[in-house]
Amino acid sequence: MAPIDVRQFINGKFVPSRDDETFDLFSPYSGECVAKVSEATVDDVDQAVAAAKAAFPAWSTMSPQQRGKSLAKLAQMITDADAELAQLDALSLGRPISSYFDGYYAAGQFRYFSEAAYPVGTSSLNTPGFMNVSLRQPYGVCAAIIPWNAPLVFFGKKLAPALAAGNTVLIKTSEKAPLTSDRVAKMLNEAGFPPGVVNVLHGHGHVAGAAISSHMEIRALSFTGSVRTGRAIQKAVADSNFKHLIFELGGKSPAIIFDDADLERAAQETQNSIMWHSGQTCMANSRIYVQKGIAEKFIQTFNGFAAARKLGDPALMETMSGPQVDRTQFETVMRYVEEGKKTGQMMATGAAMPKENGDLFVGPVVFLQQPEDAKVMKEEIFGPVVCINTFETEQEALKCANDSEFGLYAAVYTTDINRALRVAKGLESGMVGVNCTSPTGAWDMPFGGYKGSGIGRESFLDSMDDWLEQKAVYIRVDGVEKAVGVNNTLGR
């Protein structure tokens, strides 16, 4: 097939970058060039901001019901194109279609926020002589920088609430996975979004991402990605206009397996967590702590599930694991594997490698008894690499699990409800699974992390807060002060 032509979507039109530069996107499975992608420049960012700024007054003064019509229509269009979107992510980043839920997820976000965009302020009569109110109002021009591992998930979860709140938005895709975002951009005009309300840019972080982070007219920014990039964005924001930030920055998620757990379930689910999408997920339980008495049986069962994974063509329904997203990610994972061999024992799982196009595949990697200060225990690898250590006491397990600068997701497996609640409370993590693990979650629960794993929370019930400013308005009511004999103009 001919490479897909991917252009910037600015002010309702698809345009090349201002300098006409493009870059090639290669399939990690076949190695073929699958797209020619327009490389966003600083000028493109400025143009998109200007379009968003011009569109904001009309969009923000619409009723939530009026804005919701476009969000609801887009939800249906994404649902109708789900199979095509799955194939595009299989093509661009090696994501198996067998586990593809991203279209369903994104459509759910747009559908929910099409009807849930009635922000509620407060009122107060507690200050004599005043009737005070608080208002919730959109920031104006906002932006989102989304990751490559689940692009449509993050496209939906960031764009839907921001638009529903009345903001206009720039969204920058990852250079590794622009295809599904480009396909949804092609739906925006038909869905009824006015020009400039949504602008979709493609390109690399050091150019377009940096320009967005430091732009003086962008008032709120949501980013999902690495701690290193998050730190660079935060510095750029501090040096520019202190725009509001929402961050999800990855994890090194622990799972604790007690000796009374359903061992079969724990092994199957923790194996799936770290091997799903070839380990390229922020929530993957890459550290597993197993109580000593069941460790041997757990490891044997875990390896059995890992060995049964089918690695291969991500476009085939029987495939469970695809390749790493590109050569850079493959080499990164392999460097960590070599590091792990120096500090711990590596077990062969026996998973069969693909017979064709296997260059960028990494089979399931299991390390045993790594030191807690080993690189593979401390740093996010973003590959199918898990470390399994043992513990004796609850206190020991909690100490080891919390010995990390990450705190996104954690899991505990036990049939003792008291212990489950103690451990869930003690884990330094923004999300905790009890007798379940990632990617299990709930859309109405806050998504986000402790410590270095992020700032803020995203969910159906939490996301609107991050896209709305709060304003207090103090309204003097003449005659009330005299009637009650109070002189209280300061409200104190």
Protein backbone atom coordinates (compact mmCIF):
# COMPACT_ATOMS: atom_id res chain seq x y z
CA MET A 1 0.00 0.00 0.00
CA ALA A 2 1.10 3.57 -0.63
CA PRO A 3 2.23 5.49 2.44
CA ILE A 4 -0.54 7.47 4.15
CA ASP A 5 -0.26 11.25 3.78
CA VAL A 6 -0.54 12.70 7.30
CA ARG A 7 -0.86 16.47 7.54
CA GLN A 8 -1.48 19.06 10.23
CA PHE A 9 -5.14 19.81 10.98
CA ILE A 10 -5.32 23.53 11.69
CA ASN A 11 -8.39 25.76 11.63
CA GLY A 12 -10.53 23.05 10.06
CA LYS A 13 -8.14 22.31 7.18
CA PHE A 14 -5.43 19.73 6.47
CA VAL A 15 -2.24 21.55 5.60
CA PRO A 16 1.45 20.70 5.21
CA SER A 17 3.88 22.04 7.76
CA ARG A 18 5.06 25.59 7.18
CA ASP A 19 8.45 24.38 5.93
CA ASP A 20 7.01 21.36 4.02
CA GLU A 21 9.19 18.96 6.01
CA THR A 22 7.99 15.38 6.54
CA PHE A 23 9.29 12.25 8.22
CA ASP A 24 8.74 8.59 7.41
CA LEU A 25 6.80 6.26 9.69
CA PHE A 26 7.76 2.58 9.50
CA SER A 27 5.75 -0.43 10.58
CA PRO A 28 7.56 -2.15 13.48
CA TYR A 29 6.30 -5.50 12.18
CA SER A 30 6.88 -5.38 8.42
CA GLY A 31 9.51 -2.64 8.34
CA GLU A 32 7.66 -0.94 5.47
CA CYS A 33 7.13 2.82 5.25
CA VAL A 34 3.44 3.22 6.11
CA ALA A 35 3.12 7.01 6.27
CA LYS A 36 4.69 10.31 5.27
CA VAL A 37 4.04 12.56 8.25
CA SER A 38 4.13 16.34 8.20
CA GLU A 39 6.56 17.68 10.82
CA ALA A 40 5.00 20.48 12.88
CA THR A 41 7.12 23.60 13.32
CA VAL A 42 7.00 26.45 15.83
CA ASP A 43 5.09 28.44 13.19
CA ASP A 44 2.52 25.65 12.93
CA VAL A 45 2.02 25.78 16.69
CA ASP A 46 1.56 29.56 16.52
CA GLN A 47 -0.93 29.18 13.69
CA ALA A 48 -2.91 26.56 15.61
CA VAL A 49 -2.95 28.72 18.74
CA ALA A 50 -4.22 31.69 16.73
CA ALA A 51 -7.00 29.54 15.25
CA ALA A 52 -7.96 28.19 18.67
CA LYS A 53 -7.94 31.68 20.16
CA ALA A 54 -10.22 33.00 17.42
CA ALA A 55 -12.63 30.08 17.86
CA PHE A 56 -12.82 30.31 21.64
CA PRO A 57 -15.37 33.13 22.13
CA ALA A 58 -18.10 31.46 20.07
CA TRP A 59 -17.38 27.92 21.30
CA SER A 60 -17.23 28.87 24.97
CA THR A 61 -20.51 30.78 24.88
CA MET A 62 -22.45 27.84 23.44
CA SER A 63 -24.58 25.89 25.88
CA PRO A 64 -23.16 22.53 26.99
CA GLN A 65 -26.00 20.92 25.03
CA GLN A 66 -24.95 22.67 21.83
CA ARG A 67 -21.30 21.67 22.26
CA GLY A 68 -22.42 18.15 23.17
CA LYS A 69 -23.97 17.55 19.75
CA SER A 70 -20.56 17.49 18.09
CA LEU A 71 -19.04 15.34 20.83
CA ALA A 72 -21.87 12.80 20.54
CA LYS A 73 -21.61 12.63 16.77
CA LEU A 74 -17.85 12.13 16.97
CA ALA A 75 -18.41 9.29 19.47
CA GLN A 76 -20.61 7.48 16.97
CA MET A 77 -18.20 8.05 14.10
CA ILE A 78 -15.33 6.59 16.14
CA THR A 79 -17.47 3.58 17.02
CA ASP A 80 -18.30 3.01 13.35
CA ALA A 81 -14.61 3.17 12.41
CA ASP A 82 -13.36 0.93 15.24
CA ALA A 83 -12.04 -1.89 13.03
CA GLU A 84 -10.19 0.56 10.81
CA LEU A 85 -8.68 2.33 13.80
CA ALA A 86 -7.48 -1.00 15.23
CA GLN A 87 -5.73 -1.80 11.95
CA LEU A 88 -4.05 1.62 11.89
CA ASP A 89 -2.54 1.14 15.35
CA ALA A 90 -1.46 -2.39 14.42
CA LEU A 91 0.23 -0.88 11.38
CA SER A 92 1.96 2.04 13.07
CA LEU A 93 2.91 0.73 16.51
CA GLY A 94 2.42 -3.04 16.45
CA ARG A 95 -0.60 -3.01 18.76
CA PRO A 96 -2.44 -6.37 18.47
CA ILE A 97 -6.03 -5.99 17.29
CA SER A 98 -7.01 -8.88 19.60
CA SER A 99 -6.78 -6.64 22.66
CA TYR A 100 -7.78 -3.36 21.03
CA PHE A 101 -10.34 -1.49 23.09
CA ASP A 102 -9.20 2.03 22.26
CA GLY A 103 -12.03 2.96 19.91
CA TYR A 104 -14.59 1.88 22.51
CA TYR A 105 -12.73 3.84 25.17
CA ALA A 106 -12.44 7.05 23.13
CA ALA A 107 -16.06 6.89 22.00
CA GLY A 108 -17.10 6.43 25.63
CA GLN A 109 -15.25 9.59 26.62
CA PHE A 110 -16.85 11.72 23.92
CA ARG A 111 -20.29 10.23 24.56
CA TYR A 112 -20.11 10.80 28.31
CA PHE A 113 -18.87 14.38 28.12
CA SER A 114 -21.43 15.23 25.46
CA GLU A 115 -23.99 15.07 28.29
CA ALA A 116 -21.92 15.75 31.42
CA ALA A 117 -20.68 19.27 30.80
CA TYR A 118 -22.74 21.29 33.26
CA PRO A 119 -20.10 22.57 35.71
CA VAL A 120 -21.63 23.63 39.00
CA GLY A 121 -20.44 26.63 40.98
CA THR A 122 -21.41 27.46 44.55
CA SER A 123 -23.32 30.19 46.31
CA SER A 124 -23.08 31.54 49.85
CA LEU A 125 -25.06 33.86 52.11
CA ASN A 126 -22.65 33.46 55.02
CA THR A 127 -21.21 36.97 54.69
CA PRO A 128 -23.79 39.48 55.99
CA GLY A 129 -24.62 42.07 53.35
CA PHE A 130 -23.39 39.89 50.48
CA MET A 131 -24.59 37.14 48.20
CA ASN A 132 -21.39 35.44 47.00
CA VAL A 133 -21.02 32.98 44.14
CA SER A 134 -18.23 30.98 42.54
CA LEU A 135 -18.09 30.42 38.80
CA ARG A 136 -16.48 27.63 36.75
CA GLN A 137 -15.18 28.95 33.43
CA PRO A 138 -12.98 27.49 30.66
CA TYR A 139 -9.32 28.48 30.49
CA GLY A 140 -9.37 29.38 26.81
CA VAL A 141 -6.73 27.87 24.53
CA CYS A 142 -5.54 24.54 25.95
CA ALA A 143 -3.27 21.75 24.75
CA ALA A 144 -2.62 18.05 25.15
CA ILE A 145 0.50 16.06 24.30
CA ILE A 146 -0.37 12.38 24.00
CA PRO A 147 1.83 9.24 24.10
CA TRP A 148 2.31 6.58 21.45
CA ASN A 149 1.32 3.42 23.31
CA ALA A 150 -2.46 4.03 23.32
CA PRO A 151 -2.94 7.17 21.23
CA LEU A 152 -6.70 7.03 20.78
CA VAL A 153 -7.30 6.39 24.49
CA PHE A 154 -5.46 9.58 25.39
CA PHE A 155 -6.90 11.51 22.47
CA GLY A 156 -10.36 10.86 23.91
CA LYS A 157 -9.68 11.19 27.64
CA LYS A 158 -7.96 14.57 27.24
CA LEU A 159 -9.86 16.15 24.36
CA ALA A 160 -13.43 15.26 25.37
CA PRO A 161 -13.54 16.96 28.81
CA ALA A 162 -11.51 19.95 27.61
CA LEU A 163 -13.95 20.60 24.77
CA ALA A 164 -17.01 19.93 26.88
CA ALA A 165 -15.80 22.54 29.37
CA GLY A 166 -15.74 25.13 26.56
CA ASN A 167 -12.03 25.27 25.80
CA THR A 168 -10.46 25.16 22.36
CA VAL A 169 -7.60 22.70 22.01
CA LEU A 170 -4.33 21.83 20.30
CA ILE A 171 -3.46 18.16 20.51
CA LYS A 172 0.01 16.92 19.56
CA THR A 173 0.44 13.28 18.68
CA SER A 174 3.53 11.19 19.18
CA GLU A 175 5.80 10.89 16.17
CA LYS A 176 5.62 7.11 16.67
CA ALA A 177 1.82 6.78 16.38
CA PRO A 178 -0.02 9.56 14.52
CA LEU A 179 -2.34 7.46 12.35
CA THR A 180 -5.43 7.00 14.53
CA SER A 181 -5.38 10.65 15.62
CA ASP A 182 -5.13 11.67 11.97
CA ARG A 183 -8.08 9.44 11.11
CA VAL A 184 -10.21 10.97 13.88
CA ALA A 185 -9.13 14.45 12.77
CA LYS A 186 -10.74 13.64 9.42
CA MET A 187 -14.05 13.20 11.28
CA LEU A 188 -14.04 16.54 13.08
CA ASN A 189 -15.57 18.74 10.40
CA GLU A 190 -18.35 16.26 9.68
CA ALA A 191 -19.02 15.94 13.42
CA GLY A 192 -19.74 19.68 13.46
CA PHE A 193 -16.77 21.18 15.29
CA PRO A 194 -16.24 24.76 14.09
CA PRO A 195 -12.83 25.56 12.55
CA GLY A 196 -10.16 26.17 15.15
CA VAL A 197 -11.93 24.43 18.03
CA VAL A 198 -9.72 21.33 17.61
CA ASN A 199 -6.29 21.44 16.00
CA VAL A 200 -4.25 18.24 15.58
CA LEU A 201 -0.49 18.55 15.16
CA HIS A 202 2.07 15.85 14.38
CA GLY A 203 5.77 16.00 15.06
CA HIS A 204 8.59 15.58 17.52
CA GLY A 205 8.61 16.79 21.09
CA HIS A 206 11.79 18.85 20.96
CA VAL A 207 10.20 21.17 18.38
CA ALA A 208 6.39 21.17 18.52
CA GLY A 209 6.14 19.88 22.08
CA ALA A 210 8.60 22.46 23.34
CA ALA A 211 6.75 25.25 21.52
CA ILE A 212 3.46 24.18 23.10
CA SER A 213 4.98 23.94 26.58
CA SER A 214 6.42 27.44 26.46
CA HIS A 215 3.62 29.17 24.53
CA MET A 216 2.35 32.23 26.34
CA GLU A 217 -1.23 31.93 25.06
CA ILE A 218 -1.85 28.30 26.05
CA ARG A 219 -3.40 28.30 29.53
CA ALA A 220 -3.65 24.59 30.41
CA LEU A 221 -1.66 21.56 29.25
CA SER A 222 -2.17 17.84 29.79
CA PHE A 223 0.71 15.46 29.14
CA THR A 224 1.14 11.71 29.41
CA GLY A 225 4.61 10.29 28.93
CA SER A 226 8.00 9.91 30.58
CA VAL A 227 9.23 11.58 33.75
CA ARG A 228 12.15 13.03 31.78
CA THR A 229 9.85 14.78 29.31
CA GLY A 230 7.46 15.82 32.07
CA ARG A 231 10.33 17.48 33.89
CA ALA A 232 11.31 19.39 30.72
CA ILE A 233 7.72 20.52 30.21
CA GLN A 234 7.44 21.69 33.81
CA LYS A 235 10.60 23.75 33.45
CA ALA A 236 9.32 25.32 30.22
CA VAL A 237 6.01 26.13 31.91
CA ALA A 238 7.80 27.74 34.86
CA ASP A 239 9.86 29.84 32.47
CA SER A 240 6.81 30.97 30.49
CA ASN A 241 3.31 31.57 31.88
CA PHE A 242 2.73 28.97 34.61
CA LYS A 243 0.00 27.26 32.60
CA HIS A 244 -2.08 24.72 34.51
CA LEU A 245 -0.60 21.21 34.22
CA ILE A 246 -2.05 17.70 34.32
CA PHE A 247 0.62 14.96 34.21
CA GLU A 248 0.62 11.17 34.08
CA LEU A 249 4.25 10.12 34.01
CA GLY A 250 4.46 6.36 34.13
CA GLY A 251 5.17 3.78 36.77
CA LYS A 252 7.08 0.84 38.18
CA SER A 253 4.00 -0.87 39.53
CA PRO A 254 4.27 -3.56 42.24
CA ALA A 255 1.96 -6.52 42.79
CA ILE A 256 1.98 -8.31 46.16
CA ILE A 257 0.90 -11.96 46.22
CA PHE A 258 0.14 -13.41 49.68
CA ASP A 259 0.13 -17.14 50.38
CA ASP A 260 -3.68 -17.28 50.73
CA ALA A 261 -4.27 -15.76 47.26
CA ASP A 262 -5.96 -17.47 44.34
CA LEU A 263 -2.61 -18.42 42.85
CA GLU A 264 -3.87 -19.31 39.38
CA ARG A 265 -5.68 -15.99 39.01
CA ALA A 266 -2.78 -14.00 40.42
CA ALA A 267 -0.29 -15.63 38.05
CA GLN A 268 -2.50 -15.26 34.98
CA GLU A 269 -3.42 -11.64 35.65
CA THR A 270 0.02 -10.39 36.66
CA GLN A 271 1.50 -12.12 33.62
CA ASN A 272 -1.04 -10.43 31.37
CA SER A 273 -0.38 -7.06 33.00
CA ILE A 274 3.33 -7.00 32.19
CA MET A 275 3.12 -8.81 28.84
CA TRP A 276 0.04 -6.97 27.47
CA HIS A 277 1.00 -4.69 24.56
CA SER A 278 4.53 -6.11 24.92
CA GLY A 279 4.99 -4.36 28.27
CA GLN A 280 4.49 -0.92 26.72
CA THR A 281 2.00 0.36 29.28
CA CYS A 282 2.39 2.79 32.16
CA MET A 283 0.44 0.60 34.62
CA ALA A 284 2.18 -2.71 33.94
CA ASN A 285 3.09 -4.61 37.14
CA SER A 286 6.80 -4.89 36.45
CA ARG A 287 7.66 -5.79 40.08
CA ILE A 288 5.99 -8.81 41.69
CA TYR A 289 6.50 -9.71 45.35
CA VAL A 290 5.45 -13.27 46.28
CA GLN A 291 5.28 -14.73 49.77
CA LYS A 292 8.06 -17.31 50.11
CA GLY A 293 5.91 -20.36 50.78
CA ILE A 294 4.17 -20.16 47.39
CA ALA A 295 6.96 -18.61 45.33
CA GLU A 296 8.06 -21.74 43.48
CA LYS A 297 4.53 -22.70 42.47
CA PHE A 298 3.65 -19.12 41.52
CA ILE A 299 6.71 -18.74 39.29
CA GLN A 300 6.00 -22.05 37.57
CA THR A 301 2.39 -21.05 36.91
CA PHE A 302 3.37 -17.53 35.80
CA ASN A 303 5.92 -18.90 33.33
CA GLY A 304 3.34 -21.32 31.95
CA PHE A 305 1.04 -18.45 31.06
CA ALA A 306 3.93 -16.42 29.64
CA ALA A 307 5.10 -19.34 27.50
CA ALA A 308 1.62 -19.68 26.01
CA ARG A 309 1.58 -16.15 24.61
CA LYS A 310 1.40 -16.02 20.83
CA LEU A 311 3.82 -13.47 19.40
CA GLY A 312 3.38 -12.40 15.81
CA ASP A 313 1.55 -10.25 13.28
CA PRO A 314 -0.45 -7.66 15.26
CA ALA A 315 -3.09 -7.54 12.51
CA LEU A 316 -4.13 -11.16 13.22
CA MET A 317 -6.75 -11.89 15.86
CA GLU A 318 -4.83 -14.83 17.35
CA THR A 319 -1.76 -12.67 18.13
CA MET A 320 -1.39 -11.73 21.82
CA SER A 321 1.89 -9.77 21.68
CA GLY A 322 3.35 -7.67 18.90
CA PRO A 323 6.80 -6.11 18.45
CA GLN A 324 8.25 -3.18 20.36
CA VAL A 325 7.13 0.05 18.76
CA ASP A 326 10.42 0.77 16.99
CA ARG A 327 14.14 0.03 16.91
CA THR A 328 14.88 2.59 19.62
CA GLN A 329 12.45 1.01 22.07
CA PHE A 330 13.66 -2.51 21.21
CA GLU A 331 17.27 -1.55 21.90
CA THR A 332 16.29 0.17 25.15
CA VAL A 333 14.55 -2.96 26.40
CA MET A 334 17.46 -5.17 25.42
CA ARG A 335 19.91 -2.91 27.29
CA TYR A 336 17.83 -3.38 30.43
CA VAL A 337 17.75 -7.14 29.87
CA GLU A 338 21.55 -7.21 29.72
CA GLU A 339 21.70 -5.10 32.90
CA GLY A 340 19.31 -7.50 34.63
CA LYS A 341 21.47 -10.49 33.76
CA LYS A 342 24.33 -8.92 35.73
CA THR A 343 22.34 -8.50 38.94
CA GLY A 344 19.78 -11.34 39.03
CA GLN A 345 18.73 -14.68 37.64
CA MET A 346 16.96 -14.71 34.27
CA MET A 347 14.47 -17.51 33.60
CA ALA A 348 13.56 -18.74 30.15
CA THR A 349 9.78 -18.80 29.72
CA GLY A 350 9.80 -20.82 26.52
CA ALA A 351 7.56 -18.44 24.54
CA ALA A 352 7.92 -19.07 20.80
CA MET A 353 9.33 -16.18 18.79
CA PRO A 354 7.79 -15.29 15.40
CA LYS A 355 9.21 -17.08 12.39
CA GLU A 356 8.83 -13.97 10.20
CA ASN A 357 9.46 -10.27 10.81
CA GLY A 358 10.78 -10.98 14.30
CA ASP A 359 13.51 -8.32 14.43
CA LEU A 360 11.78 -6.05 16.97
CA PHE A 361 10.18 -8.71 19.16
CA VAL A 362 11.15 -9.28 22.78
CA GLY A 363 9.87 -12.48 24.31
CA PRO A 364 8.63 -12.52 27.93
CA VAL A 365 11.57 -11.89 30.28
CA VAL A 366 11.41 -13.04 33.93
CA PHE A 367 14.08 -12.09 36.47
CA LEU A 368 14.26 -13.60 39.96
CA GLN A 369 15.58 -12.09 43.20
CA GLN A 370 16.90 -8.84 41.82
CA PRO A 371 18.43 -6.50 44.44
CA GLU A 372 16.01 -3.73 45.33
CA ASP A 373 18.49 -1.11 44.10
CA ALA A 374 19.04 -2.77 40.71
CA LYS A 375 18.28 -0.70 37.61
CA VAL A 376 15.63 -3.14 36.45
CA MET A 377 13.86 -2.67 39.80
CA LYS A 378 14.03 1.13 39.83
CA GLU A 379 13.61 2.33 36.25
CA GLU A 380 10.64 2.03 33.90
CA ILE A 381 11.64 -0.32 31.08
CA PHE A 382 8.46 -0.24 28.96
CA GLY A 383 8.93 -3.78 27.75
CA PRO A 384 7.81 -7.33 28.68
CA VAL A 385 10.29 -7.57 31.55
CA VAL A 386 9.20 -8.53 35.07
CA CYS A 387 11.13 -8.96 38.32
CA ILE A 388 9.77 -11.50 40.81
CA ASN A 389 11.10 -11.26 44.38
CA THR A 390 9.98 -12.96 47.58
CA PHE A 391 8.98 -11.67 51.00
CA GLU A 392 8.05 -13.09 54.39
CA THR A 393 5.96 -10.46 56.18
CA GLU A 394 3.34 -7.89 55.24
CA GLN A 395 5.55 -5.11 56.51
CA GLU A 396 8.46 -6.28 54.37
CA ALA A 397 6.26 -6.46 51.28
CA LEU A 398 4.96 -2.92 51.80
CA LYS A 399 8.43 -1.53 52.40
CA CYS A 400 9.75 -3.02 49.15
CA ALA A 401 6.68 -2.09 47.12
CA ASN A 402 6.89 1.55 48.25
CA ASP A 403 10.64 1.85 47.68
CA SER A 404 10.18 3.67 44.38
CA GLU A 405 9.85 7.21 43.07
CA PHE A 406 6.90 5.97 41.00
CA GLY A 407 3.43 5.47 42.42
CA LEU A 408 0.89 4.94 39.64
CA TYR A 409 -0.69 1.50 40.18
CA ALA A 410 -0.23 -1.29 42.70
CA ALA A 411 -1.99 -4.60 43.32
CA VAL A 412 -2.52 -6.98 46.23
CA TYR A 413 -3.80 -10.55 46.05
CA THR A 414 -5.20 -12.08 49.25
CA THR A 415 -8.45 -13.56 50.56
CA ASP A 416 -8.03 -11.77 53.91
CA ILE A 417 -10.14 -8.61 53.59
CA ASN A 418 -8.52 -6.98 56.61
CA ARG A 419 -5.06 -7.47 55.17
CA ALA A 420 -6.26 -6.32 51.75
CA LEU A 421 -7.52 -3.05 53.20
CA ARG A 422 -4.41 -2.51 55.33
CA VAL A 423 -2.11 -3.04 52.37
CA ALA A 424 -4.26 -0.98 49.99
CA LYS A 425 -4.08 1.91 52.45
CA GLY A 426 -0.35 1.45 52.98
CA LEU A 427 0.64 1.34 49.30
CA GLU A 428 1.98 4.66 48.00
CA SER A 429 0.05 4.56 44.77
CA GLY A 430 -2.70 6.53 43.11
CA MET A 431 -4.55 3.34 42.14
CA VAL A 432 -4.67 -0.04 43.88
CA GLY A 433 -6.18 -3.28 42.60
CA VAL A 434 -7.38 -5.83 45.17
CA ASN A 435 -7.44 -9.35 43.69
CA CYS A 436 -7.02 -7.74 40.29
CA THR A 437 -4.27 -5.80 38.57
CA SER A 438 -3.71 -3.45 35.64
CA PRO A 439 -5.10 -2.75 33.14
CA THR A 440 -8.19 -3.19 35.35
CA GLY A 441 -9.65 0.18 36.30
CA ALA A 442 -12.91 2.10 36.49
CA TRP A 443 -13.90 5.14 34.44
CA ASP A 444 -15.62 6.83 37.37
CA MET A 445 -12.55 6.51 39.62
CA PRO A 446 -9.63 8.99 39.56
CA PHE A 447 -6.74 7.96 37.28
CA GLY A 448 -3.33 9.26 38.32
CA GLY A 449 -0.35 8.65 40.53
CA TYR A 450 1.58 9.49 43.67
CA LYS A 451 5.13 10.85 43.72
CA GLY A 452 6.86 10.94 40.34
CA SER A 453 3.92 9.34 38.55
CA GLY A 454 2.02 12.53 38.00
CA ILE A 455 0.06 15.63 38.91
CA GLY A 456 -3.74 15.69 38.97
CA ARG A 457 -6.36 13.06 38.16
CA GLU A 458 -8.38 12.08 35.09
CA SER A 459 -11.75 10.32 35.00
CA PHE A 460 -15.39 10.86 34.13
CA LEU A 461 -15.92 12.59 37.47
CA ASP A 462 -12.55 14.32 37.88
CA SER A 463 -11.45 15.50 34.45
CA MET A 464 -13.73 18.53 34.11
CA ASP A 465 -12.08 20.13 37.15
CA ASP A 466 -8.75 20.30 35.36
CA TRP A 467 -10.17 22.19 32.37
CA LEU A 468 -12.09 24.86 34.31
CA GLU A 469 -10.93 27.90 36.22
CA GLN A 470 -12.64 28.96 39.45
CA LYS A 471 -13.73 32.52 40.05
CA ALA A 472 -15.20 34.03 43.22
CA VAL A 473 -17.72 36.87 42.79
CA TYR A 474 -18.77 39.01 45.77
CA ILE A 475 -22.15 40.71 45.33
CA ARG A 476 -23.12 43.45 47.79
CA VAL A 477 -26.81 43.50 48.69
CA ASP A 478 -27.76 47.06 49.69
CA GLY A 479 -29.80 47.48 52.83
CA VAL A 480 -28.96 44.14 54.41
CA GLU A 481 -26.06 45.41 56.54
CA LYS A 482 -28.17 48.22 58.04
CA ALA A 483 -31.10 45.89 58.69
CA VAL A 484 -28.97 43.41 60.65
CA GLY A 485 -26.69 45.97 62.25
CA VAL A 486 -23.45 44.61 60.76
CA ASN A 487 -20.66 46.47 58.97
CA ASN A 488 -18.71 43.72 57.23
CA THR A 489 -17.45 44.81 53.83
CA LEU A 490 -14.45 42.46 53.99
CA GLY A 491 -16.52 39.35 54.64
CA ARG A 492 -14.64 38.49 57.82
